Amino acid sequence: MAKPKLSFYDVKTKKKFEADEYRVVEKKGRFFAVAKSKSGPHECWRVLSKDQAAEIKKAA
């Protein structure tokens, strides 16, 4: 089962993009999806709920 596509917002270019290649990171009890920006070397972070993170980890 593949990871679902998630929508990310690139703050530097002020544009949205979708990605299916990302990793799930936990910081201080919160979950985030981290994807590489389509238009640069920086990363874009998106907040995930605990349920979303568990579902994505299960699919991977």
PDB file of N, CA and C in Angstrom:
ATOM      1  N   MET A   1       0.839  -1.175   0.000  1.00  0.00           N
ATOM      2  CA  MET A   1       0.000   0.000   0.000  1.00  0.00           C
ATOM      3  C   MET A   1       0.890   1.246   0.000  1.00  0.00           C
ATOM      4  N   ALA A   2       0.664   2.157  -0.925  1.00  0.00           N
ATOM      5  CA  ALA A   2       1.480   3.356  -1.062  1.00  0.00           C
ATOM      6  C   ALA A   2       0.999   4.459  -0.128  1.00  0.00           C
ATOM      7  N   LYS A   3       1.899   5.376   0.152  1.00  0.00           N
ATOM      8  CA  LYS A   3       1.539   6.520   0.984  1.00  0.00           C
ATOM      9  C   LYS A   3       0.547   7.401   0.237  1.00  0.00           C
ATOM     10  N   PRO A   4      -0.403   7.998   0.939  1.00  0.00           N
ATOM     11  CA  PRO A   4      -1.328   8.917   0.267  1.00  0.00           C
ATOM     12  C   PRO A   4      -0.625  10.225  -0.088  1.00  0.00           C
ATOM     13  N   LYS A   5      -1.101  10.899  -1.134  1.00  0.00           N
ATOM     14  CA  LYS A   5      -0.558  12.197  -1.497  1.00  0.00           C
ATOM     15  C   LYS A   5      -1.033  13.220  -0.484  1.00  0.00           C
ATOM     16  N   LEU A   6      -0.115  14.075  -0.072  1.00  0.00           N
ATOM     17  CA  LEU A   6      -0.454  15.147   0.859  1.00  0.00           C
ATOM     18  C   LEU A   6      -0.167  16.489   0.208  1.00  0.00           C
ATOM     19  N   SER A   7      -0.917  17.478   0.586  1.00  0.00           N
ATOM     20  CA  SER A   7      -0.731  18.829   0.093  1.00  0.00           C
ATOM     21  C   SER A   7       0.185  19.578   1.056  1.00  0.00           C
ATOM     22  N   PHE A   8       1.201  20.238   0.520  1.00  0.00           N
ATOM     23  CA  PHE A   8       2.141  21.024   1.306  1.00  0.00           C
ATOM     24  C   PHE A   8       2.110  22.464   0.823  1.00  0.00           C
ATOM     25  N   TYR A   9       2.496  23.393   1.690  1.00  0.00           N
ATOM     26  CA  TYR A   9       2.588  24.797   1.322  1.00  0.00           C
ATOM     27  C   TYR A   9       4.032  25.239   1.497  1.00  0.00           C
ATOM     28  N   ASP A  10       4.621  25.734   0.414  1.00  0.00           N
ATOM     29  CA  ASP A  10       5.997  26.218   0.433  1.00  0.00           C
ATOM     30  C   ASP A  10       5.979  27.691   0.823  1.00  0.00           C
ATOM     31  N   VAL A  11       6.458  27.997   2.014  1.00  0.00           N
ATOM     32  CA  VAL A  11       6.405  29.363   2.532  1.00  0.00           C
ATOM     33  C   VAL A  11       7.324  30.293   1.738  1.00  0.00           C
ATOM     34  N   LYS A  12       8.458  29.795   1.291  1.00  0.00           N
ATOM     35  CA  LYS A  12       9.409  30.651   0.574  1.00  0.00           C
ATOM     36  C   LYS A  12       8.883  31.087  -0.789  1.00  0.00           C
ATOM     37  N   THR A  13       8.242  30.182  -1.522  1.00  0.00           N
ATOM     38  CA  THR A  13       7.725  30.538  -2.846  1.00  0.00           C
ATOM     39  C   THR A  13       6.239  30.882  -2.808  1.00  0.00           C
ATOM     40  N   LYS A  14       5.596  30.675  -1.659  1.00  0.00           N
ATOM     41  CA  LYS A  14       4.172  30.962  -1.460  1.00  0.00           C
ATOM     42  C   LYS A  14       3.292  30.187  -2.441  1.00  0.00           C
ATOM     43  N   LYS A  15       3.622  28.910  -2.626  1.00  0.00           N
ATOM     44  CA  LYS A  15       2.849  28.055  -3.528  1.00  0.00           C
ATOM     45  C   LYS A  15       2.561  26.719  -2.863  1.00  0.00           C
ATOM     46  N   LYS A  16       1.440  26.120  -3.245  1.00  0.00           N
ATOM     47  CA  LYS A  16       1.075  24.789  -2.772  1.00  0.00           C
ATOM     48  C   LYS A  16       1.598  23.751  -3.758  1.00  0.00           C
ATOM     49  N   PHE A  17       1.868  22.550  -3.237  1.00  0.00           N
ATOM     50  CA  PHE A  17       2.218  21.432  -4.094  1.00  0.00           C
ATOM     51  C   PHE A  17       1.818  20.140  -3.399  1.00  0.00           C
ATOM     52  N   GLU A  18       1.672  19.096  -4.173  1.00  0.00           N
ATOM     53  CA  GLU A  18       1.345  17.781  -3.625  1.00  0.00           C
ATOM     54  C   GLU A  18       2.560  16.878  -3.742  1.00  0.00           C
ATOM     55  N   ALA A  19       2.718  16.022  -2.742  1.00  0.00           N
ATOM     56  CA  ALA A  19       3.854  15.106  -2.746  1.00  0.00           C
ATOM     57  C   ALA A  19       3.437  13.775  -2.155  1.00  0.00           C
ATOM     58  N   ASP A  20       4.005  12.702  -2.695  1.00  0.00           N
ATOM     59  CA  ASP A  20       3.792  11.382  -2.114  1.00  0.00           C
ATOM     60  C   ASP A  20       5.101  10.821  -1.565  1.00  0.00           C
ATOM     61  N   GLU A  21       6.179  11.600  -1.699  1.00  0.00           N
ATOM     62  CA  GLU A  21       7.467  11.233  -1.111  1.00  0.00           C
ATOM     63  C   GLU A  21       7.752  12.182   0.046  1.00  0.00           C
ATOM     64  N   TYR A  22       7.550  11.681   1.245  1.00  0.00           N
ATOM     65  CA  TYR A  22       7.772  12.465   2.451  1.00  0.00           C
ATOM     66  C   TYR A  22       8.053  11.511   3.586  1.00  0.00           C
ATOM     67  N   ARG A  23       8.493  12.071   4.698  1.00  0.00           N
ATOM     68  CA  ARG A  23       8.733  11.248   5.880  1.00  0.00           C
ATOM     69  C   ARG A  23       7.908  11.812   7.035  1.00  0.00           C
ATOM     70  N   VAL A  24       7.604  10.969   7.991  1.00  0.00           N
ATOM     71  CA  VAL A  24       6.842  11.373   9.170  1.00  0.00           C
ATOM     72  C   VAL A  24       7.823  11.550  10.326  1.00  0.00           C
ATOM     73  N   VAL A  25       7.755  12.716  10.965  1.00  0.00           N
ATOM     74  CA  VAL A  25       8.658  13.064  12.053  1.00  0.00           C
ATOM     75  C   VAL A  25       7.828  13.394  13.283  1.00  0.00           C
ATOM     76  N   GLU A  26       8.301  12.941  14.453  1.00  0.00           N
ATOM     77  CA  GLU A  26       7.628  13.285  15.710  1.00  0.00           C
ATOM     78  C   GLU A  26       8.529  14.215  16.508  1.00  0.00           C
ATOM     79  N   LYS A  27       7.990  15.366  16.910  1.00  0.00           N
ATOM     80  CA  LYS A  27       8.720  16.327  17.728  1.00  0.00           C
ATOM     81  C   LYS A  27       7.832  16.758  18.878  1.00  0.00           C
ATOM     82  N   LYS A  28       8.288  16.514  20.083  1.00  0.00           N
ATOM     83  CA  LYS A  28       7.574  16.922  21.291  1.00  0.00           C
ATOM     84  C   LYS A  28       6.126  16.450  21.310  1.00  0.00           C
ATOM     85  N   GLY A  29       5.898  15.229  20.855  1.00  0.00           N
ATOM     86  CA  GLY A  29       4.559  14.651  20.891  1.00  0.00           C
ATOM     87  C   GLY A  29       3.672  15.027  19.727  1.00  0.00           C
ATOM     88  N   ARG A  30       4.164  15.840  18.801  1.00  0.00           N
ATOM     89  CA  ARG A  30       3.391  16.216  17.620  1.00  0.00           C
ATOM     90  C   ARG A  30       3.981  15.541  16.396  1.00  0.00           C
ATOM     91  N   PHE A  31       3.146  15.296  15.406  1.00  0.00           N
ATOM     92  CA  PHE A  31       3.579  14.610  14.195  1.00  0.00           C
ATOM     93  C   PHE A  31       3.565  15.568  13.006  1.00  0.00           C
ATOM     94  N   PHE A  32       4.590  15.431  12.159  1.00  0.00           N
ATOM     95  CA  PHE A  32       4.726  16.275  10.990  1.00  0.00           C
ATOM     96  C   PHE A  32       5.095  15.414   9.784  1.00  0.00           C
ATOM     97  N   ALA A  33       4.644  15.836   8.615  1.00  0.00           N
ATOM     98  CA  ALA A  33       5.095  15.245   7.360  1.00  0.00           C
ATOM     99  C   ALA A  33       6.096  16.235   6.770  1.00  0.00           C
ATOM    100  N   VAL A  34       7.245  15.741   6.334  1.00  0.00           N
ATOM    101  CA  VAL A  34       8.306  16.599   5.815  1.00  0.00           C
ATOM    102  C   VAL A  34       8.626  16.174   4.392  1.00  0.00           C
ATOM    103  N   ALA A  35       8.508  17.134   3.461  1.00  0.00           N
ATOM    104  CA  ALA A  35       8.795  16.854   2.055  1.00  0.00           C
ATOM    105  C   ALA A  35       9.812  17.865   1.540  1.00  0.00           C
ATOM    106  N   LYS A  36      10.577  17.473   0.544  1.00  0.00           N
ATOM    107  CA  LYS A  36      11.518  18.384  -0.094  1.00  0.00           C
ATOM    108  C   LYS A  36      10.731  19.297  -1.020  1.00  0.00           C
ATOM    109  N   SER A  37      11.064  20.563  -1.020  1.00  0.00           N
ATOM    110  CA  SER A  37      10.375  21.538  -1.862  1.00  0.00           C
ATOM    111  C   SER A  37      10.606  21.225  -3.341  1.00  0.00           C
ATOM    112  N   LYS A  38       9.612  21.513  -4.156  1.00  0.00           N
ATOM    113  CA  LYS A  38       9.734  21.294  -5.604  1.00  0.00           C
ATOM    114  C   LYS A  38      10.610  22.364  -6.248  1.00  0.00           C
ATOM    115  N   SER A  39      10.773  23.518  -5.577  1.00  0.00           N
ATOM    116  CA  SER A  39      11.477  24.633  -6.207  1.00  0.00           C
ATOM    117  C   SER A  39      12.694  25.102  -5.421  1.00  0.00           C
ATOM    118  N   GLY A  40      13.358  24.190  -4.741  1.00  0.00           N
ATOM    119  CA  GLY A  40      14.558  24.593  -4.010  1.00  0.00           C
ATOM    120  C   GLY A  40      15.060  23.489  -3.113  1.00  0.00           C
ATOM    121  N   PRO A  41      16.150  23.757  -2.411  1.00  0.00           N
ATOM    122  CA  PRO A  41      16.755  22.728  -1.559  1.00  0.00           C
ATOM    123  C   PRO A  41      16.147  22.640  -0.158  1.00  0.00           C
ATOM    124  N   HIS A  42      15.192  23.502   0.161  1.00  0.00           N
ATOM    125  CA  HIS A  42      14.626  23.518   1.510  1.00  0.00           C
ATOM    126  C   HIS A  42      13.503  22.493   1.668  1.00  0.00           C
ATOM    127  N   GLU A  43      13.087  22.290   2.926  1.00  0.00           N
ATOM    128  CA  GLU A  43      12.038  21.324   3.238  1.00  0.00           C
ATOM    129  C   GLU A  43      10.757  22.054   3.623  1.00  0.00           C
ATOM    130  N   CYS A  44       9.633  21.407   3.392  1.00  0.00           N
ATOM    131  CA  CYS A  44       8.330  21.933   3.774  1.00  0.00           C
ATOM    132  C   CYS A  44       7.716  20.969   4.781  1.00  0.00           C
ATOM    133  N   TRP A  45       7.168  21.528   5.854  1.00  0.00           N
ATOM    134  CA  TRP A  45       6.597  20.732   6.935  1.00  0.00           C
ATOM    135  C   TRP A  45       5.094  20.911   6.969  1.00  0.00           C
ATOM    136  N   ARG A  46       4.381  19.842   7.286  1.00  0.00           N
ATOM    137  CA  ARG A  46       2.933  19.878   7.426  1.00  0.00           C
ATOM    138  C   ARG A  46       2.558  19.156   8.713  1.00  0.00           C
ATOM    139  N   VAL A  47       1.639  19.733   9.474  1.00  0.00           N
ATOM    140  CA  VAL A  47       1.190  19.141  10.729  1.00  0.00           C
ATOM    141  C   VAL A  47       0.239  17.986  10.426  1.00  0.00           C
ATOM    142  N   LEU A  48       0.425  16.872  11.141  1.00  0.00           N
ATOM    143  CA  LEU A  48      -0.449  15.712  11.005  1.00  0.00           C
ATOM    144  C   LEU A  48      -1.120  15.421  12.340  1.00  0.00           C
ATOM    145  N   SER A  49      -2.297  14.845  12.276  1.00  0.00           N
ATOM    146  CA  SER A  49      -2.927  14.379  13.508  1.00  0.00           C
ATOM    147  C   SER A  49      -2.282  13.054  13.899  1.00  0.00           C
ATOM    148  N   LYS A  50      -2.505  12.641  15.112  1.00  0.00           N
ATOM    149  CA  LYS A  50      -1.947  11.380  15.596  1.00  0.00           C
ATOM    150  C   LYS A  50      -2.485  10.214  14.766  1.00  0.00           C
ATOM    151  N   ASP A  51      -3.771  10.277  14.396  1.00  0.00           N
ATOM    152  CA  ASP A  51      -4.390   9.225  13.593  1.00  0.00           C
ATOM    153  C   ASP A  51      -3.810   9.171  12.189  1.00  0.00           C
ATOM    154  N   GLN A  52      -3.599  10.362  11.570  1.00  0.00           N
ATOM    155  CA  GLN A  52      -3.011  10.405  10.233  1.00  0.00           C
ATOM    156  C   GLN A  52      -1.618   9.805  10.243  1.00  0.00           C
ATOM    157  N   ALA A  53      -0.809  10.166  11.234  1.00  0.00           N
ATOM    158  CA  ALA A  53       0.566   9.660  11.321  1.00  0.00           C
ATOM    159  C   ALA A  53       0.568   8.150  11.477  1.00  0.00           C
ATOM    160  N   ALA A  54      -0.323   7.621  12.312  1.00  0.00           N
ATOM    161  CA  ALA A  54      -0.392   6.171  12.510  1.00  0.00           C
ATOM    162  C   ALA A  54      -0.799   5.472  11.216  1.00  0.00           C
ATOM    163  N   GLU A  55      -1.734   6.045  10.486  1.00  0.00           N
ATOM    164  CA  GLU A  55      -2.197   5.457   9.232  1.00  0.00           C
ATOM    165  C   GLU A  55      -1.094   5.452   8.177  1.00  0.00           C
ATOM    166  N   ILE A  56      -0.345   6.542   8.105  1.00  0.00           N
ATOM    167  CA  ILE A  56       0.744   6.623   7.118  1.00  0.00           C
ATOM    168  C   ILE A  56       1.869   5.662   7.471  1.00  0.00           C
ATOM    169  N   LYS A  57       2.226   5.577   8.745  1.00  0.00           N
ATOM    170  CA  LYS A  57       3.267   4.638   9.161  1.00  0.00           C
ATOM    171  C   LYS A  57       2.866   3.200   8.889  1.00  0.00           C
ATOM    172  N   LYS A  58       1.582   2.919   9.046  1.00  0.00           N
ATOM    173  CA  LYS A  58       1.065   1.571   8.792  1.00  0.00           C
ATOM    174  C   LYS A  58       1.124   1.232   7.305  1.00  0.00           C
ATOM    175  N   ALA A  59       0.871   2.234   6.452  1.00  0.00           N
ATOM    176  CA  ALA A  59       0.879   2.023   5.003  1.00  0.00           C
ATOM    177  C   ALA A  59       2.303   1.848   4.462  1.00  0.00           C
ATOM    178  N   ALA A  60       3.280   2.419   5.134  1.00  0.00           N
ATOM    179  CA  ALA A  60       4.658   2.368   4.635  1.00  0.00           C
ATOM    180  C   ALA A  60       5.341   1.072   4.907  1.00  0.00           C
TER     181      ALA A  60
END
